[in-house]
Amino acid sequence: MTAVLRVVAAALVAAFATGFTLLTGIGAAPASAHTVLVSSDPPADATLATGPARVSATFNEDLQPTFAAMTVVGPDGNLWTSGDPELHGAVAAVAVRPLGPAGRYTVNYRVTSSDGHVVADSWSFTLTVAGAGTPGPAAGGAPAEHRIPLWPFAVGAAALVAAAAAWALRSRS
């Protein structure tokens, strides 16, 4: 009976360790040899007197046209993009409204590489002369009620490990 308790205890420790690792991302290695940003327009950290009509990002390989997102967030926290991003080969671009307040604008992008990996990052540029543009809505993530909770995945992983341990114990008997 003591051996059974040790196996069950080991399975529970493994389940909790797995759940903790999944929830915290510990052990996740950065991806390598995937799509990378080669250039941007306007360039990162550029200083502009007038806002661009569109922003674009050029990558080292073609992109998949699905699930792309590109936004420009101004110093006021509002969106300054107009419309959906357009993808042509290795270039993602989006139209920009006439800009408003002077300050730092951040271009955020999320694209899918040809091998299916999601690539997301951002770059910024600075507008030195305020424009007369009207912003879009405030930038922000999805409301909390629309986000996918992580706890069911952790519970499922723990249940899977416990079931595997129980099956292993039963197979020995």
Protein backbone atom coordinates (compact mmCIF):
# COMPACT_ATOMS: atom_id res chain seq x y z
CA MET A 1 0.00 0.00 0.00
CA THR A 2 2.91 2.36 0.69
CA ALA A 3 4.18 1.99 -2.88
CA VAL A 4 0.74 2.91 -4.22
CA LEU A 5 0.65 6.06 -2.10
CA ARG A 6 4.12 7.04 -3.34
CA VAL A 7 3.05 6.64 -6.97
CA VAL A 8 -0.15 8.64 -6.39
CA ALA A 9 1.79 11.34 -4.56
CA ALA A 10 4.35 11.49 -7.37
CA ALA A 11 1.55 11.75 -9.93
CA LEU A 12 -0.06 14.60 -8.01
CA VAL A 13 3.25 16.46 -7.72
CA ALA A 14 3.79 15.99 -11.47
CA ALA A 15 0.26 17.24 -12.19
CA PHE A 16 0.72 20.35 -10.07
CA ALA A 17 4.15 21.02 -11.58
CA THR A 18 2.69 20.66 -15.08
CA GLY A 19 -0.19 22.99 -14.27
CA PHE A 20 2.16 25.55 -12.73
CA THR A 21 4.44 25.40 -15.77
CA LEU A 22 1.51 25.84 -18.15
CA LEU A 23 0.09 28.78 -16.22
CA THR A 24 3.35 30.65 -15.74
CA GLY A 25 5.08 29.85 -19.01
CA ILE A 26 8.23 28.67 -17.24
CA GLY A 27 10.25 26.49 -19.54
CA ALA A 28 8.92 28.06 -22.73
CA ALA A 29 11.83 28.58 -25.07
CA PRO A 30 11.80 31.41 -27.60
CA ALA A 31 11.06 30.39 -31.15
CA SER A 32 13.90 30.44 -33.59
CA ALA A 33 14.25 30.44 -37.35
CA HIS A 34 10.83 31.97 -37.84
CA THR A 35 9.49 35.10 -39.44
CA VAL A 36 11.18 38.31 -38.32
CA LEU A 37 10.53 41.97 -39.05
CA VAL A 38 13.02 43.24 -41.63
CA SER A 39 11.89 46.85 -41.98
CA SER A 40 9.03 49.17 -41.14
CA ASP A 41 7.54 52.35 -42.55
CA PRO A 42 7.83 54.67 -40.78
CA PRO A 43 11.04 53.24 -39.31
CA ALA A 44 11.24 52.43 -35.60
CA ASP A 45 11.94 55.52 -33.48
CA ALA A 46 11.41 57.88 -36.45
CA THR A 47 10.56 61.52 -35.76
CA LEU A 48 7.90 62.90 -38.11
CA ALA A 49 6.42 66.38 -38.57
CA THR A 50 3.34 64.94 -40.32
CA GLY A 51 1.64 61.63 -39.81
CA PRO A 52 1.88 58.84 -42.39
CA ALA A 53 -1.15 57.86 -44.48
CA ARG A 54 -0.37 54.20 -43.76
CA VAL A 55 2.11 52.11 -41.81
CA SER A 56 3.71 48.92 -43.07
CA ALA A 57 5.90 46.12 -41.83
CA THR A 58 8.08 43.99 -44.11
CA PHE A 59 9.10 40.51 -42.98
CA ASN A 60 11.72 38.02 -44.17
CA GLU A 61 9.12 35.60 -45.61
CA ASP A 62 5.57 35.59 -46.94
CA LEU A 63 2.71 35.81 -44.47
CA GLN A 64 -0.56 33.92 -44.25
CA PRO A 65 -3.50 36.23 -44.91
CA THR A 66 -5.51 34.96 -41.92
CA PHE A 67 -5.68 36.37 -38.40
CA ALA A 68 -3.55 39.45 -39.09
CA ALA A 69 -3.93 42.49 -36.86
CA MET A 70 -2.23 45.88 -37.02
CA THR A 71 -3.05 48.95 -34.98
CA VAL A 72 -1.60 52.38 -34.31
CA VAL A 73 -2.15 53.63 -30.76
CA GLY A 74 -1.53 57.30 -30.07
CA PRO A 75 -0.22 59.09 -27.00
CA ASP A 76 -3.85 59.66 -26.01
CA GLY A 77 -4.49 55.90 -25.82
CA ASN A 78 -6.80 55.92 -28.86
CA LEU A 79 -6.64 53.91 -32.08
CA TRP A 80 -5.54 55.85 -35.15
CA THR A 81 -5.84 53.09 -37.73
CA SER A 82 -8.55 53.01 -40.36
CA GLY A 83 -9.73 49.66 -41.68
CA ASP A 84 -8.27 46.19 -41.63
CA PRO A 85 -4.65 45.34 -42.36
CA GLU A 86 -3.75 44.32 -45.90
CA LEU A 87 -1.20 41.58 -46.55
CA HIS A 88 0.75 41.23 -49.79
CA GLY A 89 3.46 38.59 -49.68
CA ALA A 90 5.85 39.57 -46.90
CA VAL A 91 4.30 43.02 -46.27
CA ALA A 92 1.53 43.89 -43.81
CA ALA A 93 0.09 47.41 -43.95
CA VAL A 94 -2.85 49.39 -42.60
CA ALA A 95 -4.27 52.82 -43.36
CA VAL A 96 -3.86 55.52 -40.71
CA ARG A 97 -6.30 58.33 -39.91
CA PRO A 98 -4.92 61.86 -39.98
CA LEU A 99 -3.04 61.96 -36.68
CA GLY A 100 -3.92 64.15 -33.71
CA PRO A 101 -1.80 64.96 -30.68
CA ALA A 102 1.96 65.25 -30.87
CA GLY A 103 3.79 62.45 -29.11
CA ARG A 104 4.71 58.80 -29.38
CA TYR A 105 2.58 56.52 -31.57
CA THR A 106 2.97 52.74 -31.27
CA VAL A 107 2.35 50.35 -34.15
CA ASN A 108 1.31 46.91 -32.90
CA TYR A 109 1.19 43.93 -35.22
CA ARG A 110 0.27 40.26 -35.10
CA VAL A 111 0.78 38.16 -38.22
CA THR A 112 0.98 34.47 -39.04
CA SER A 113 4.10 33.24 -40.80
CA SER A 114 4.01 30.84 -43.72
CA ASP A 115 4.86 27.96 -41.34
CA GLY A 116 1.90 28.81 -39.09
CA HIS A 117 3.68 30.53 -36.20
CA VAL A 118 2.20 33.75 -34.82
CA VAL A 119 4.56 36.70 -34.72
CA ALA A 120 3.60 39.72 -32.63
CA ASP A 121 5.56 42.83 -31.67
CA SER A 122 5.50 46.60 -32.00
CA TRP A 123 7.54 49.67 -32.91
CA SER A 124 7.04 53.36 -32.28
CA PHE A 125 7.46 56.69 -34.00
CA THR A 126 7.08 60.23 -32.71
CA LEU A 127 4.88 62.96 -34.18
CA THR A 128 6.41 66.37 -33.41
CA VAL A 129 3.62 68.63 -34.70
CA ALA A 130 0.03 67.98 -33.59
CA GLY A 131 -2.46 67.26 -36.34
CA ALA A 132 -6.18 67.94 -36.49
CA GLY A 133 -7.25 64.29 -36.89
CA THR A 134 -10.08 62.61 -35.04
CA PRO A 135 -9.17 59.43 -33.17
CA GLY A 136 -10.92 56.11 -33.28
CA PRO A 137 -12.06 54.30 -30.14
CA ALA A 138 -9.88 53.83 -27.10
CA ALA A 139 -7.33 51.05 -27.44
CA GLY A 140 -7.75 48.11 -25.13
CA GLY A 141 -7.94 44.37 -24.96
CA ALA A 142 -11.04 42.25 -25.07
CA PRO A 143 -13.36 42.65 -22.12
CA ALA A 144 -12.63 40.15 -19.35
CA GLU A 145 -15.85 38.23 -20.04
CA HIS A 146 -14.65 37.47 -23.59
CA ARG A 147 -11.23 36.11 -22.62
CA ILE A 148 -10.60 32.38 -22.43
CA PRO A 149 -9.86 31.31 -18.83
CA LEU A 150 -6.72 29.20 -18.27
CA TRP A 151 -7.85 27.23 -15.23
CA PRO A 152 -9.88 24.60 -17.19
CA PHE A 153 -6.70 23.69 -19.10
CA ALA A 154 -4.72 23.30 -15.86
CA VAL A 155 -7.46 21.17 -14.29
CA GLY A 156 -7.66 19.06 -17.45
CA ALA A 157 -3.89 18.51 -17.45
CA ALA A 158 -3.95 17.49 -13.79
CA ALA A 159 -6.85 15.10 -14.42
CA LEU A 160 -5.00 13.59 -17.38
CA VAL A 161 -1.86 13.00 -15.32
CA ALA A 162 -3.90 11.51 -12.45
CA ALA A 163 -5.77 9.22 -14.86
CA ALA A 164 -2.47 8.07 -16.39
CA ALA A 165 -1.07 7.34 -12.93
CA ALA A 166 -4.20 5.39 -11.97
CA TRP A 167 -4.02 3.42 -15.21
CA ALA A 168 -0.35 2.65 -14.59
CA LEU A 169 -1.13 1.43 -11.08
CA ARG A 170 -3.98 -0.73 -12.31
CA SER A 171 -1.80 -2.22 -15.05
CA ARG A 172 0.73 -3.36 -12.43
CA SER A 173 -1.88 -5.22 -10.42
